[in-house]
Amino acid sequence: PEAAGTLKLDCNVPDAAVLLDDEIVGRAGEIAKTGKTLRPGFYRVEIRHPGYYPFFAEIDVPEGGGTALKAELHPLLD
């Protein structure tokens, strides 16, 4: 069996929702503290919060390894 990998997240809006492949998996602050265990492979990451532009990235989680992602959300302009 494949060894799980881990997503480490650093985001400036801890309350932002984190989506992997269009499915909500938690809040940025929770994942920043504990990491997110994932099966190895490619994922599309979206981080969003009302009042901020969404953040998008594609990541590759290696078998038994970790992937670090730094996401900075920018406030919407009035």
C-alpha atoms as a PDB file:
ATOM      1  CA  PRO A   1       0.000   0.000   0.000  1.00  0.00           C
ATOM      2  CA  GLU A   2       1.034   3.582  -0.619  1.00  0.00           C
ATOM      3  CA  ALA A   3       2.319   5.566   2.350  1.00  0.00           C
ATOM      4  CA  ALA A   4       0.243   8.672   3.015  1.00  0.00           C
ATOM      5  CA  GLY A   5       1.662  12.138   2.464  1.00  0.00           C
ATOM      6  CA  THR A   6       1.028  15.360   4.351  1.00  0.00           C
ATOM      7  CA  LEU A   7      -0.027  18.847   3.324  1.00  0.00           C
ATOM      8  CA  LYS A   8       1.476  21.606   5.474  1.00  0.00           C
ATOM      9  CA  LEU A   9      -0.304  24.934   5.057  1.00  0.00           C
ATOM     10  CA  ASP A  10       0.605  28.504   5.946  1.00  0.00           C
ATOM     11  CA  CYS A  11      -2.242  30.979   5.312  1.00  0.00           C
ATOM     12  CA  ASN A  12      -2.772  34.555   6.510  1.00  0.00           C
ATOM     13  CA  VAL A  13      -6.554  34.016   6.980  1.00  0.00           C
ATOM     14  CA  PRO A  14      -6.965  31.121   9.468  1.00  0.00           C
ATOM     15  CA  ASP A  15     -10.751  31.041   9.063  1.00  0.00           C
ATOM     16  CA  ALA A  16     -10.567  30.494   5.279  1.00  0.00           C
ATOM     17  CA  ALA A  17     -12.087  27.334   3.819  1.00  0.00           C
ATOM     18  CA  VAL A  18      -9.677  24.864   2.207  1.00  0.00           C
ATOM     19  CA  LEU A  19     -10.906  22.818  -0.745  1.00  0.00           C
ATOM     20  CA  LEU A  20      -9.106  19.922  -2.398  1.00  0.00           C
ATOM     21  CA  ASP A  21     -10.447  18.973  -5.820  1.00  0.00           C
ATOM     22  CA  ASP A  22     -13.594  21.079  -5.110  1.00  0.00           C
ATOM     23  CA  GLU A  23     -14.340  19.371  -1.761  1.00  0.00           C
ATOM     24  CA  ILE A  24     -14.099  21.277   1.545  1.00  0.00           C
ATOM     25  CA  VAL A  25     -11.562  19.557   3.813  1.00  0.00           C
ATOM     26  CA  GLY A  26     -11.295  22.067   6.667  1.00  0.00           C
ATOM     27  CA  ARG A  27     -10.191  25.520   7.735  1.00  0.00           C
ATOM     28  CA  ALA A  28      -6.751  26.937   6.998  1.00  0.00           C
ATOM     29  CA  GLY A  29      -5.942  27.441  10.694  1.00  0.00           C
ATOM     30  CA  GLU A  30      -6.767  23.823  11.588  1.00  0.00           C
ATOM     31  CA  ILE A  31      -4.685  22.435   8.739  1.00  0.00           C
ATOM     32  CA  ALA A  32      -1.816  24.797   9.621  1.00  0.00           C
ATOM     33  CA  LYS A  33      -1.719  23.332  13.146  1.00  0.00           C
ATOM     34  CA  THR A  34      -2.120  19.638  12.392  1.00  0.00           C
ATOM     35  CA  GLY A  35      -1.367  19.192   8.694  1.00  0.00           C
ATOM     36  CA  LYS A  36      -3.652  17.227   6.380  1.00  0.00           C
ATOM     37  CA  THR A  37      -2.942  13.570   5.635  1.00  0.00           C
ATOM     38  CA  LEU A  38      -3.530  12.748   1.978  1.00  0.00           C
ATOM     39  CA  ARG A  39      -3.050   9.896  -0.444  1.00  0.00           C
ATOM     40  CA  PRO A  40      -0.112  10.521  -2.772  1.00  0.00           C
ATOM     41  CA  GLY A  41      -0.998  12.313  -5.990  1.00  0.00           C
ATOM     42  CA  PHE A  42      -1.927  15.601  -7.618  1.00  0.00           C
ATOM     43  CA  TYR A  43      -4.507  17.911  -6.066  1.00  0.00           C
ATOM     44  CA  ARG A  44      -6.113  21.208  -7.007  1.00  0.00           C
ATOM     45  CA  VAL A  45      -6.184  23.441  -3.917  1.00  0.00           C
ATOM     46  CA  GLU A  46      -8.531  26.378  -3.446  1.00  0.00           C
ATOM     47  CA  ILE A  47      -8.564  28.570  -0.350  1.00  0.00           C
ATOM     48  CA  ARG A  48     -11.410  31.047  -0.018  1.00  0.00           C
ATOM     49  CA  HIS A  49     -13.041  33.399   2.431  1.00  0.00           C
ATOM     50  CA  PRO A  50     -15.708  36.102   1.927  1.00  0.00           C
ATOM     51  CA  GLY A  51     -14.092  39.469   1.370  1.00  0.00           C
ATOM     52  CA  TYR A  52     -10.887  38.004  -0.101  1.00  0.00           C
ATOM     53  CA  TYR A  53      -9.793  36.919  -3.557  1.00  0.00           C
ATOM     54  CA  PRO A  54      -9.536  33.119  -3.669  1.00  0.00           C
ATOM     55  CA  PHE A  55      -6.147  31.406  -3.812  1.00  0.00           C
ATOM     56  CA  PHE A  56      -5.552  28.537  -6.240  1.00  0.00           C
ATOM     57  CA  ALA A  57      -2.657  26.090  -6.537  1.00  0.00           C
ATOM     58  CA  GLU A  58      -1.873  22.615  -7.797  1.00  0.00           C
ATOM     59  CA  ILE A  59       0.220  20.379  -5.574  1.00  0.00           C
ATOM     60  CA  ASP A  60       1.866  16.988  -5.848  1.00  0.00           C
ATOM     61  CA  VAL A  61       1.895  15.003  -2.618  1.00  0.00           C
ATOM     62  CA  PRO A  62       4.693  12.411  -2.693  1.00  0.00           C
ATOM     63  CA  GLU A  63       4.326   8.974  -1.163  1.00  0.00           C
ATOM     64  CA  GLY A  64       5.407   9.128   2.482  1.00  0.00           C
ATOM     65  CA  GLY A  65       6.432  12.773   2.124  1.00  0.00           C
ATOM     66  CA  GLY A  66       5.100  16.228   2.653  1.00  0.00           C
ATOM     67  CA  THR A  67       4.158  19.243   0.591  1.00  0.00           C
ATOM     68  CA  ALA A  68       4.268  22.769   2.007  1.00  0.00           C
ATOM     69  CA  LEU A  69       1.967  25.470   0.665  1.00  0.00           C
ATOM     70  CA  LYS A  70       2.031  29.172   1.560  1.00  0.00           C
ATOM     71  CA  ALA A  71      -1.176  30.984   0.657  1.00  0.00           C
ATOM     72  CA  GLU A  72      -1.685  34.707   1.035  1.00  0.00           C
ATOM     73  CA  LEU A  73      -5.254  35.904   0.527  1.00  0.00           C
ATOM     74  CA  HIS A  74      -5.708  39.506  -0.583  1.00  0.00           C
ATOM     75  CA  PRO A  75      -8.744  41.608   0.420  1.00  0.00           C
ATOM     76  CA  LEU A  76     -11.285  42.416  -2.280  1.00  0.00           C
ATOM     77  CA  LEU A  77     -11.141  45.992  -3.514  1.00  0.00           C
ATOM     78  CA  ASP A  78     -14.137  48.243  -2.930  1.00  0.00           C
END
